[in-house]
All heavy atoms as atom14 arrays in JSON, in Angstrom:
{
  "sequence": "FDAAYTADKKTFTDPKSLLTYFNLMVKLYDKGDKSAKELFNKYDDVAE",
  "atom14_mask": [
    [1, 1, 1, 1, 1, 1, 1, 1, 1, 1, 1, 0, 0, 0],
    [1, 1, 1, 1, 1, 1, 1, 1, 0, 0, 0, 0, 0, 0],
    [1, 1, 1, 1, 1, 0, 0, 0, 0, 0, 0, 0, 0, 0],
    [1, 1, 1, 1, 1, 0, 0, 0, 0, 0, 0, 0, 0, 0],
    [1, 1, 1, 1, 1, 1, 1, 1, 1, 1, 1, 1, 0, 0],
    [1, 1, 1, 1, 1, 1, 1, 0, 0, 0, 0, 0, 0, 0],
    [1, 1, 1, 1, 1, 0, 0, 0, 0, 0, 0, 0, 0, 0],
    [1, 1, 1, 1, 1, 1, 1, 1, 0, 0, 0, 0, 0, 0],
    [1, 1, 1, 1, 1, 1, 1, 1, 1, 0, 0, 0, 0, 0],
    [1, 1, 1, 1, 1, 1, 1, 1, 1, 0, 0, 0, 0, 0],
    [1, 1, 1, 1, 1, 1, 1, 0, 0, 0, 0, 0, 0, 0],
    [1, 1, 1, 1, 1, 1, 1, 1, 1, 1, 1, 0, 0, 0],
    [1, 1, 1, 1, 1, 1, 1, 0, 0, 0, 0, 0, 0, 0],
    [1, 1, 1, 1, 1, 1, 1, 1, 0, 0, 0, 0, 0, 0],
    [1, 1, 1, 1, 1, 1, 1, 0, 0, 0, 0, 0, 0, 0],
    [1, 1, 1, 1, 1, 1, 1, 1, 1, 0, 0, 0, 0, 0],
    [1, 1, 1, 1, 1, 1, 0, 0, 0, 0, 0, 0, 0, 0],
    [1, 1, 1, 1, 1, 1, 1, 1, 0, 0, 0, 0, 0, 0],
    [1, 1, 1, 1, 1, 1, 1, 1, 0, 0, 0, 0, 0, 0],
    [1, 1, 1, 1, 1, 1, 1, 0, 0, 0, 0, 0, 0, 0],
    [1, 1, 1, 1, 1, 1, 1, 1, 1, 1, 1, 1, 0, 0],
    [1, 1, 1, 1, 1, 1, 1, 1, 1, 1, 1, 0, 0, 0],
    [1, 1, 1, 1, 1, 1, 1, 1, 0, 0, 0, 0, 0, 0],
    [1, 1, 1, 1, 1, 1, 1, 1, 0, 0, 0, 0, 0, 0],
    [1, 1, 1, 1, 1, 1, 1, 1, 0, 0, 0, 0, 0, 0],
    [1, 1, 1, 1, 1, 1, 1, 0, 0, 0, 0, 0, 0, 0],
    [1, 1, 1, 1, 1, 1, 1, 1, 1, 0, 0, 0, 0, 0],
    [1, 1, 1, 1, 1, 1, 1, 1, 0, 0, 0, 0, 0, 0],
    [1, 1, 1, 1, 1, 1, 1, 1, 1, 1, 1, 1, 0, 0],
    [1, 1, 1, 1, 1, 1, 1, 1, 0, 0, 0, 0, 0, 0],
    [1, 1, 1, 1, 1, 1, 1, 1, 1, 0, 0, 0, 0, 0],
    [1, 1, 1, 1, 0, 0, 0, 0, 0, 0, 0, 0, 0, 0],
    [1, 1, 1, 1, 1, 1, 1, 1, 0, 0, 0, 0, 0, 0],
    [1, 1, 1, 1, 1, 1, 1, 1, 1, 0, 0, 0, 0, 0],
    [1, 1, 1, 1, 1, 1, 0, 0, 0, 0, 0, 0, 0, 0],
    [1, 1, 1, 1, 1, 0, 0, 0, 0, 0, 0, 0, 0, 0],
    [1, 1, 1, 1, 1, 1, 1, 1, 1, 0, 0, 0, 0, 0],
    [1, 1, 1, 1, 1, 1, 1, 1, 1, 0, 0, 0, 0, 0],
    [1, 1, 1, 1, 1, 1, 1, 1, 0, 0, 0, 0, 0, 0],
    [1, 1, 1, 1, 1, 1, 1, 1, 1, 1, 1, 0, 0, 0],
    [1, 1, 1, 1, 1, 1, 1, 1, 0, 0, 0, 0, 0, 0],
    [1, 1, 1, 1, 1, 1, 1, 1, 1, 0, 0, 0, 0, 0],
    [1, 1, 1, 1, 1, 1, 1, 1, 1, 1, 1, 1, 0, 0],
    [1, 1, 1, 1, 1, 1, 1, 1, 0, 0, 0, 0, 0, 0],
    [1, 1, 1, 1, 1, 1, 1, 1, 0, 0, 0, 0, 0, 0],
    [1, 1, 1, 1, 1, 1, 1, 0, 0, 0, 0, 0, 0, 0],
    [1, 1, 1, 1, 1, 0, 0, 0, 0, 0, 0, 0, 0, 0],
    [1, 1, 1, 1, 1, 1, 1, 1, 1, 0, 0, 0, 0, 0]
  ],
  "atom14_positions": [
    [[4.89, -7.94, -12.87], [3.5, -7.84, -12.4], [2.88, -6.52, -12.86], [1.69, -6.48, -13.24], [3.42, -7.97, -10.9], [3.46, -9.39, -10.41], [4.62, -9.93, -9.89], [2.32, -10.19, -10.45], [4.65, -11.25, -9.43], [2.33, -11.5, -10.0], [3.51, -12.03, -9.49], [0.0, 0.0, 0.0], [0.0, 0.0, 0.0], [0.0, 0.0, 0.0]],
    [[3.63, -5.44, -12.79], [3.09, -4.13, -13.15], [2.73, -4.08, -14.64], [1.7, -3.51, -15.02], [4.12, -3.05, -12.82], [3.5, -1.67, -12.8], [2.42, -1.48, -12.19], [4.08, -0.75, -13.41], [0.0, 0.0, 0.0], [0.0, 0.0, 0.0], [0.0, 0.0, 0.0], [0.0, 0.0, 0.0], [0.0, 0.0, 0.0], [0.0, 0.0, 0.0]],
    [[3.57, -4.7, -15.47], [3.3, -4.75, -16.91], [2.04, -5.57, -17.18], [1.19, -5.2, -18.03], [4.47, -5.35, -17.65], [0.0, 0.0, 0.0], [0.0, 0.0, 0.0], [0.0, 0.0, 0.0], [0.0, 0.0, 0.0], [0.0, 0.0, 0.0], [0.0, 0.0, 0.0], [0.0, 0.0, 0.0], [0.0, 0.0, 0.0], [0.0, 0.0, 0.0]],
    [[1.87, -6.68, -16.46], [0.69, -7.53, -16.63], [-0.57, -6.81, -16.2], [-1.61, -6.84, -16.89], [0.86, -8.81, -15.8], [0.0, 0.0, 0.0], [0.0, 0.0, 0.0], [0.0, 0.0, 0.0], [0.0, 0.0, 0.0], [0.0, 0.0, 0.0], [0.0, 0.0, 0.0], [0.0, 0.0, 0.0], [0.0, 0.0, 0.0], [0.0, 0.0, 0.0]],
    [[-0.47, -6.11, -15.06], [-1.63, -5.38, -14.53], [-2.02, -4.24, -15.43], [-3.2, -4.0, -15.71], [-1.25, -4.86, -13.14], [-2.41, -4.3, -12.32], [-3.3, -5.17, -11.69], [-2.6, -2.94, -12.18], [-4.35, -4.68, -10.93], [-3.65, -2.44, -11.42], [-4.51, -3.3, -10.79], [-5.56, -2.82, -10.04], [0.0, 0.0, 0.0], [0.0, 0.0, 0.0]],
    [[-1.04, -3.54, -15.96], [-1.28, -2.41, -16.84], [-1.85, -2.87, -18.18], [-2.72, -2.21, -18.75], [0.02, -1.61, -17.07], [0.55, -1.2, -15.8], [-0.23, -0.37, -17.91], [0.0, 0.0, 0.0], [0.0, 0.0, 0.0], [0.0, 0.0, 0.0], [0.0, 0.0, 0.0], [0.0, 0.0, 0.0], [0.0, 0.0, 0.0], [0.0, 0.0, 0.0]],
    [[-1.34, -4.0, -18.7], [-1.75, -4.5, -20.02], [-3.21, -4.93, -20.02], [-3.93, -4.68, -20.99], [-0.87, -5.66, -20.43], [0.0, 0.0, 0.0], [0.0, 0.0, 0.0], [0.0, 0.0, 0.0], [0.0, 0.0, 0.0], [0.0, 0.0, 0.0], [0.0, 0.0, 0.0], [0.0, 0.0, 0.0], [0.0, 0.0, 0.0], [0.0, 0.0, 0.0]],
    [[-3.67, -5.56, -18.95], [-5.05, -6.08, -18.93], [-5.53, -6.25, -17.49], [-5.61, -7.35, -16.96], [-5.11, -7.41, -19.67], [-6.53, -7.92, -19.87], [-7.48, -7.17, -19.57], [-6.69, -9.08, -20.29], [0.0, 0.0, 0.0], [0.0, 0.0, 0.0], [0.0, 0.0, 0.0], [0.0, 0.0, 0.0], [0.0, 0.0, 0.0], [0.0, 0.0, 0.0]],
    [[-5.84, -5.12, -16.88], [-6.28, -5.11, -15.48], [-7.55, -5.92, -15.27], [-7.73, -6.55, -14.23], [-6.5, -3.65, -15.05], [-6.96, -3.45, -13.62], [-7.13, -1.99, -13.33], [-7.7, -1.73, -11.94], [-7.86, -0.3, -11.66], [0.0, 0.0, 0.0], [0.0, 0.0, 0.0], [0.0, 0.0, 0.0], [0.0, 0.0, 0.0], [0.0, 0.0, 0.0]],
    [[-8.41, -5.91, -16.28], [-9.72, -6.58, -16.13], [-9.57, -8.06, -15.84], [-10.31, -8.6, -15.03], [-10.54, -6.37, -17.41], [-11.95, -6.92, -17.32], [-12.75, -6.66, -18.57], [-14.16, -7.23, -18.46], [-14.95, -6.99, -19.69], [0.0, 0.0, 0.0], [0.0, 0.0, 0.0], [0.0, 0.0, 0.0], [0.0, 0.0, 0.0], [0.0, 0.0, 0.0]],
    [[-8.63, -8.73, -16.51], [-8.49, -10.2, -16.3], [-7.37, -10.55, -15.35], [-7.07, -11.74, -15.15], [-8.27, -10.9, -17.66], [-7.02, -10.52, -18.21], [-9.4, -10.58, -18.63], [0.0, 0.0, 0.0], [0.0, 0.0, 0.0], [0.0, 0.0, 0.0], [0.0, 0.0, 0.0], [0.0, 0.0, 0.0], [0.0, 0.0, 0.0], [0.0, 0.0, 0.0]],
    [[-6.73, -9.56, -14.77], [-5.72, -9.8, -13.71], [-6.52, -9.9, -12.4], [-6.66, -8.96, -11.68], [-4.74, -8.63, -13.66], [-3.54, -8.85, -12.77], [-2.25, -8.7, -13.28], [-3.67, -9.18, -11.44], [-1.13, -8.88, -12.48], [-2.56, -9.36, -10.62], [-1.29, -9.2, -11.14], [0.0, 0.0, 0.0], [0.0, 0.0, 0.0], [0.0, 0.0, 0.0]],
    [[-7.02, -11.11, -12.14], [-7.97, -11.27, -11.03], [-7.5, -12.26, -9.97], [-8.19, -12.4, -8.95], [-9.33, -11.75, -11.56], [-9.15, -13.0, -12.26], [-9.93, -10.74, -12.5], [0.0, 0.0, 0.0], [0.0, 0.0, 0.0], [0.0, 0.0, 0.0], [0.0, 0.0, 0.0], [0.0, 0.0, 0.0], [0.0, 0.0, 0.0], [0.0, 0.0, 0.0]],
    [[-6.4, -12.93, -10.17], [-5.99, -13.95, -9.21], [-5.62, -13.31, -7.86], [-4.74, -12.46, -7.81], [-4.77, -14.71, -9.74], [-4.33, -15.8, -8.79], [-5.1, -16.75, -8.55], [-3.2, -15.69, -8.25], [0.0, 0.0, 0.0], [0.0, 0.0, 0.0], [0.0, 0.0, 0.0], [0.0, 0.0, 0.0], [0.0, 0.0, 0.0], [0.0, 0.0, 0.0]],
    [[-6.3, -13.7, -6.77], [-6.04, -13.08, -5.46], [-4.58, -13.19, -5.03], [-3.99, -12.23, -4.51], [-6.96, -13.86, -4.51], [-8.05, -14.38, -5.38], [-7.39, -14.7, -6.69], [0.0, 0.0, 0.0], [0.0, 0.0, 0.0], [0.0, 0.0, 0.0], [0.0, 0.0, 0.0], [0.0, 0.0, 0.0], [0.0, 0.0, 0.0], [0.0, 0.0, 0.0]],
    [[-4.0, -14.36, -5.26], [-2.6, -14.57, -4.84], [-1.66, -13.63, -5.58], [-0.75, -13.04, -4.99], [-2.19, -16.03, -5.13], [-0.8, -16.41, -4.64], [-0.53, -17.85, -4.89], [0.86, -18.27, -4.41], [1.11, -19.71, -4.66], [0.0, 0.0, 0.0], [0.0, 0.0, 0.0], [0.0, 0.0, 0.0], [0.0, 0.0, 0.0], [0.0, 0.0, 0.0]],
    [[-1.89, -13.46, -6.88], [-1.02, -12.59, -7.68], [-1.22, -11.11, -7.29], [-0.26, -10.35, -7.3], [-1.32, -12.78, -9.18], [-0.87, -14.06, -9.59], [0.0, 0.0, 0.0], [0.0, 0.0, 0.0], [0.0, 0.0, 0.0], [0.0, 0.0, 0.0], [0.0, 0.0, 0.0], [0.0, 0.0, 0.0], [0.0, 0.0, 0.0], [0.0, 0.0, 0.0]],
    [[-2.45, -10.73, -6.99], [-2.7, -9.35, -6.54], [-1.94, -9.04, -5.26], [-1.36, -7.97, -5.09], [-4.19, -9.12, -6.34], [-5.02, -8.93, -7.62], [-6.52, -9.05, -7.31], [-4.71, -7.6, -8.27], [0.0, 0.0, 0.0], [0.0, 0.0, 0.0], [0.0, 0.0, 0.0], [0.0, 0.0, 0.0], [0.0, 0.0, 0.0], [0.0, 0.0, 0.0]],
    [[-1.94, -10.02, -4.33], [-1.21, -9.84, -3.07], [0.31, -9.81, -3.31], [1.0, -8.97, -2.73], [-1.58, -10.98, -2.1], [-0.93, -10.9, -0.72], [-1.27, -9.59, -0.01], [-1.35, -12.08, 0.15], [0.0, 0.0, 0.0], [0.0, 0.0, 0.0], [0.0, 0.0, 0.0], [0.0, 0.0, 0.0], [0.0, 0.0, 0.0], [0.0, 0.0, 0.0]],
    [[0.78, -10.69, -4.17], [2.22, -10.71, -4.49], [2.63, -9.36, -5.09], [3.68, -8.81, -4.74], [2.55, -11.84, -5.48], [2.14, -13.09, -4.93], [4.04, -11.9, -5.79], [0.0, 0.0, 0.0], [0.0, 0.0, 0.0], [0.0, 0.0, 0.0], [0.0, 0.0, 0.0], [0.0, 0.0, 0.0], [0.0, 0.0, 0.0], [0.0, 0.0, 0.0]],
    [[1.83, -8.88, -6.0], [2.07, -7.6, -6.66], [2.24, -6.47, -5.63], [3.2, -5.71, -5.67], [0.89, -7.33, -7.59], [0.91, -6.05, -8.4], [2.1, -5.47, -8.84], [-0.3, -5.44, -8.77], [2.1, -4.32, -9.62], [-0.3, -4.29, -9.54], [0.9, -3.73, -9.95], [0.88, -2.59, -10.72], [0.0, 0.0, 0.0], [0.0, 0.0, 0.0]],
    [[1.31, -6.41, -4.67], [1.4, -5.35, -3.65], [2.56, -5.59, -2.69], [3.25, -4.65, -2.3], [0.09, -5.24, -2.87], [0.13, -4.14, -1.88], [0.13, -2.81, -2.28], [0.17, -4.41, -0.5], [0.2, -1.78, -1.34], [0.23, -3.38, 0.41], [0.23, -2.06, 0.0], [0.0, 0.0, 0.0], [0.0, 0.0, 0.0], [0.0, 0.0, 0.0]],
    [[2.82, -6.84, -2.33], [3.93, -7.15, -1.44], [5.26, -6.71, -2.04], [6.16, -6.22, -1.33], [3.98, -8.65, -1.13], [2.92, -9.08, -0.14], [2.29, -8.22, 0.49], [2.68, -10.37, -0.02], [0.0, 0.0, 0.0], [0.0, 0.0, 0.0], [0.0, 0.0, 0.0], [0.0, 0.0, 0.0], [0.0, 0.0, 0.0], [0.0, 0.0, 0.0]],
    [[5.4, -6.85, -3.34], [6.62, -6.41, -4.02], [6.78, -4.9, -3.94], [7.87, -4.38, -3.77], [6.62, -6.89, -5.48], [6.8, -8.42, -5.67], [6.43, -8.81, -7.09], [8.24, -8.81, -5.35], [0.0, 0.0, 0.0], [0.0, 0.0, 0.0], [0.0, 0.0, 0.0], [0.0, 0.0, 0.0], [0.0, 0.0, 0.0], [0.0, 0.0, 0.0]],
    [[5.63, -4.19, -4.1], [5.66, -2.72, -3.96], [6.13, -2.33, -2.56], [6.95, -1.42, -2.37], [4.26, -2.16, -4.23], [4.07, -0.71, -3.79], [5.21, 0.45, -4.55], [4.36, 0.84, -6.07], [0.0, 0.0, 0.0], [0.0, 0.0, 0.0], [0.0, 0.0, 0.0], [0.0, 0.0, 0.0], [0.0, 0.0, 0.0], [0.0, 0.0, 0.0]],
    [[5.64, -3.03, -1.53], [6.03, -2.73, -0.14], [7.53, -2.96, 0.04], [8.22, -2.16, 0.68], [5.23, -3.62, 0.85], [5.78, -3.48, 2.27], [3.74, -3.26, 0.84], [0.0, 0.0, 0.0], [0.0, 0.0, 0.0], [0.0, 0.0, 0.0], [0.0, 0.0, 0.0], [0.0, 0.0, 0.0], [0.0, 0.0, 0.0], [0.0, 0.0, 0.0]],
    [[8.06, -4.03, -0.53], [9.49, -4.31, -0.43], [10.32, -3.2, -1.08], [11.35, -2.77, -0.55], [9.81, -5.66, -1.07], [9.35, -6.87, -0.26], [9.78, -8.16, -0.93], [9.34, -9.36, -0.09], [9.77, -10.65, -0.72], [0.0, 0.0, 0.0], [0.0, 0.0, 0.0], [0.0, 0.0, 0.0], [0.0, 0.0, 0.0], [0.0, 0.0, 0.0]],
    [[9.84, -2.73, -2.21], [10.55, -1.66, -2.92], [10.47, -0.36, -2.13], [11.43, 0.41, -2.09], [9.98, -1.47, -4.32], [10.24, -2.62, -5.31], [9.52, -2.37, -6.64], [11.74, -2.79, -5.54], [0.0, 0.0, 0.0], [0.0, 0.0, 0.0], [0.0, 0.0, 0.0], [0.0, 0.0, 0.0], [0.0, 0.0, 0.0], [0.0, 0.0, 0.0]],
    [[9.33, -0.13, -1.48], [9.17, 1.07, -0.63], [10.14, 0.98, 0.56], [10.82, 1.97, 0.88], [7.75, 1.17, -0.14], [7.54, 2.21, 0.93], [7.48, 3.58, 0.62], [7.45, 1.82, 2.28], [7.31, 4.53, 1.64], [7.28, 2.77, 3.28], [7.22, 4.13, 2.95], [7.07, 5.05, 3.97], [0.0, 0.0, 0.0], [0.0, 0.0, 0.0]],
    [[10.19, -0.18, 1.19], [11.08, -0.35, 2.34], [12.54, -0.2, 1.98], [13.37, 0.22, 2.79], [10.84, -1.73, 2.99], [9.51, -1.82, 3.71], [8.89, -0.77, 3.96], [9.08, -2.95, 4.02], [0.0, 0.0, 0.0], [0.0, 0.0, 0.0], [0.0, 0.0, 0.0], [0.0, 0.0, 0.0], [0.0, 0.0, 0.0], [0.0, 0.0, 0.0]],
    [[12.88, -0.52, 0.73], [14.28, -0.37, 0.26], [14.57, 1.07, -0.14], [15.72, 1.44, -0.4], [14.5, -1.27, -0.98], [14.71, -2.73, -0.68], [14.72, -3.56, -1.96], [15.84, -3.1, -2.88], [15.84, -3.84, -4.16], [0.0, 0.0, 0.0], [0.0, 0.0, 0.0], [0.0, 0.0, 0.0], [0.0, 0.0, 0.0], [0.0, 0.0, 0.0]],
    [[13.52, 1.89, -0.26], [13.71, 3.26, -0.69], [13.62, 3.44, -2.19], [13.88, 4.53, -2.72], [0.0, 0.0, 0.0], [0.0, 0.0, 0.0], [0.0, 0.0, 0.0], [0.0, 0.0, 0.0], [0.0, 0.0, 0.0], [0.0, 0.0, 0.0], [0.0, 0.0, 0.0], [0.0, 0.0, 0.0], [0.0, 0.0, 0.0], [0.0, 0.0, 0.0]],
    [[13.19, 2.38, -2.9], [13.07, 2.45, -4.37], [11.74, 3.0, -4.82], [11.57, 3.33, -6.0], [13.29, 1.08, -4.98], [14.73, 0.6, -4.83], [15.62, 1.44, -4.55], [15.0, -0.61, -5.01], [0.0, 0.0, 0.0], [0.0, 0.0, 0.0], [0.0, 0.0, 0.0], [0.0, 0.0, 0.0], [0.0, 0.0, 0.0], [0.0, 0.0, 0.0]],
    [[10.76, 3.04, -3.93], [9.45, 3.59, -4.26], [9.06, 4.61, -3.17], [9.39, 4.44, -1.99], [8.38, 2.49, -4.3], [8.57, 1.5, -5.45], [8.26, 2.12, -6.8], [8.4, 1.1, -7.93], [8.16, 1.68, -9.26], [0.0, 0.0, 0.0], [0.0, 0.0, 0.0], [0.0, 0.0, 0.0], [0.0, 0.0, 0.0], [0.0, 0.0, 0.0]],
    [[8.35, 5.66, -3.57], [7.96, 6.7, -2.63], [6.68, 6.31, -1.89], [5.96, 5.38, -2.27], [7.69, 8.0, -3.39], [6.55, 7.86, -4.25], [0.0, 0.0, 0.0], [0.0, 0.0, 0.0], [0.0, 0.0, 0.0], [0.0, 0.0, 0.0], [0.0, 0.0, 0.0], [0.0, 0.0, 0.0], [0.0, 0.0, 0.0], [0.0, 0.0, 0.0]],
    [[6.41, 7.05, -0.81], [5.16, 6.81, -0.04], [3.96, 7.05, -0.92], [2.96, 6.31, -0.84], [5.14, 7.73, 1.18], [0.0, 0.0, 0.0], [0.0, 0.0, 0.0], [0.0, 0.0, 0.0], [0.0, 0.0, 0.0], [0.0, 0.0, 0.0], [0.0, 0.0, 0.0], [0.0, 0.0, 0.0], [0.0, 0.0, 0.0], [0.0, 0.0, 0.0]],
    [[4.04, 8.04, -1.77], [2.93, 8.34, -2.68], [2.67, 7.16, -3.61], [1.49, 6.78, -3.82], [3.28, 9.58, -3.52], [2.19, 10.02, -4.48], [2.61, 11.3, -5.22], [1.55, 11.75, -6.19], [1.95, 13.01, -6.89], [0.0, 0.0, 0.0], [0.0, 0.0, 0.0], [0.0, 0.0, 0.0], [0.0, 0.0, 0.0], [0.0, 0.0, 0.0]],
    [[3.71, 6.57, -4.15], [3.55, 5.4, -5.01], [2.96, 4.22, -4.25], [2.11, 3.47, -4.76], [4.89, 5.03, -5.64], [5.38, 6.01, -6.7], [6.78, 5.68, -7.16], [7.7, 5.54, -6.32], [6.97, 5.57, -8.4], [0.0, 0.0, 0.0], [0.0, 0.0, 0.0], [0.0, 0.0, 0.0], [0.0, 0.0, 0.0], [0.0, 0.0, 0.0]],
    [[3.41, 4.04, -3.02], [2.92, 2.94, -2.19], [1.43, 3.07, -1.91], [0.67, 2.14, -2.11], [3.7, 2.9, -0.86], [3.17, 1.89, 0.17], [3.4, 0.47, -0.29], [3.86, 2.11, 1.54], [0.0, 0.0, 0.0], [0.0, 0.0, 0.0], [0.0, 0.0, 0.0], [0.0, 0.0, 0.0], [0.0, 0.0, 0.0], [0.0, 0.0, 0.0]],
    [[1.01, 4.26, -1.48], [-0.4, 4.46, -1.15], [-1.29, 4.4, -2.4], [-2.39, 3.85, -2.34], [-0.59, 5.83, -0.44], [0.19, 5.95, 0.84], [0.67, 7.18, 1.25], [0.44, 4.84, 1.63], [1.4, 7.3, 2.44], [1.17, 4.94, 2.81], [1.65, 6.18, 3.22], [0.0, 0.0, 0.0], [0.0, 0.0, 0.0], [0.0, 0.0, 0.0]],
    [[-0.79, 4.92, -3.5], [-1.56, 4.86, -4.75], [-1.76, 3.4, -5.19], [-2.84, 3.02, -5.65], [-0.89, 5.64, -5.87], [-1.09, 7.13, -5.73], [-1.97, 7.59, -4.99], [-0.28, 7.92, -6.42], [0.0, 0.0, 0.0], [0.0, 0.0, 0.0], [0.0, 0.0, 0.0], [0.0, 0.0, 0.0], [0.0, 0.0, 0.0], [0.0, 0.0, 0.0]],
    [[-0.71, 2.6, -5.04], [-0.82, 1.19, -5.44], [-1.74, 0.44, -4.5], [-2.5, -0.44, -4.94], [0.58, 0.55, -5.47], [0.6, -0.88, -6.04], [-0.07, -0.97, -7.4], [0.55, -0.08, -8.44], [-0.19, -0.13, -9.72], [0.0, 0.0, 0.0], [0.0, 0.0, 0.0], [0.0, 0.0, 0.0], [0.0, 0.0, 0.0], [0.0, 0.0, 0.0]],
    [[-1.68, 0.77, -3.21], [-2.63, 0.14, -2.28], [-4.07, 0.44, -2.7], [-4.9, -0.46, -2.76], [-2.39, 0.66, -0.84], [-3.45, 0.17, 0.12], [-3.31, -1.03, 0.8], [-4.62, 0.91, 0.32], [-4.3, -1.49, 1.64], [-5.62, 0.45, 1.16], [-5.45, -0.75, 1.82], [-6.44, -1.2, 2.66], [0.0, 0.0, 0.0], [0.0, 0.0, 0.0]],
    [[-4.37, 1.7, -2.94], [-5.71, 2.1, -3.32], [-6.14, 1.39, -4.63], [-7.28, 0.94, -4.76], [-5.81, 3.61, -3.49], [-5.69, 4.35, -2.18], [-6.14, 3.8, -1.17], [-5.16, 5.48, -2.15], [0.0, 0.0, 0.0], [0.0, 0.0, 0.0], [0.0, 0.0, 0.0], [0.0, 0.0, 0.0], [0.0, 0.0, 0.0], [0.0, 0.0, 0.0]],
    [[-5.21, 1.33, -5.54], [-5.51, 0.71, -6.84], [-5.87, -0.78, -6.69], [-6.89, -1.24, -7.2], [-4.3, 0.85, -7.76], [-4.63, 0.62, -9.22], [-5.83, 0.76, -9.58], [-3.74, 0.34, -10.01], [0.0, 0.0, 0.0], [0.0, 0.0, 0.0], [0.0, 0.0, 0.0], [0.0, 0.0, 0.0], [0.0, 0.0, 0.0], [0.0, 0.0, 0.0]],
    [[-5.05, -1.51, -5.95], [-5.28, -2.94, -5.75], [-6.53, -3.16, -4.86], [-7.32, -4.06, -5.16], [-4.05, -3.62, -5.12], [-4.34, -5.08, -4.77], [-2.86, -3.55, -6.06], [0.0, 0.0, 0.0], [0.0, 0.0, 0.0], [0.0, 0.0, 0.0], [0.0, 0.0, 0.0], [0.0, 0.0, 0.0], [0.0, 0.0, 0.0], [0.0, 0.0, 0.0]],
    [[-6.71, -2.33, -3.84], [-7.89, -2.47, -2.97], [-9.18, -2.26, -3.75], [-10.18, -2.96, -3.56], [-7.79, -1.47, -1.83], [0.0, 0.0, 0.0], [0.0, 0.0, 0.0], [0.0, 0.0, 0.0], [0.0, 0.0, 0.0], [0.0, 0.0, 0.0], [0.0, 0.0, 0.0], [0.0, 0.0, 0.0], [0.0, 0.0, 0.0], [0.0, 0.0, 0.0]],
    [[-9.16, -1.28, -4.67], [-10.34, -1.02, -5.51], [-10.6, -2.17, -6.47], [-11.75, -2.5, -6.77], [-10.16, 0.3, -6.25], [-10.31, 1.52, -5.36], [-9.84, 2.81, -5.99], [-9.6, 2.81, -7.23], [-9.72, 3.84, -5.29], [0.0, 0.0, 0.0], [0.0, 0.0, 0.0], [0.0, 0.0, 0.0], [0.0, 0.0, 0.0], [0.0, 0.0, 0.0]]
  ]
}
């Protein structure tokens, strides 16, 4: 998902995929694989 979003953010518009993308980030954060900073930045990015 991150590669798809980075490659062409403009046409990555599907609501379901945007939510899946963020949910995966949350799972990685909960596992300790992503930092709080990365989590909040990704939230802001997807929310915007």
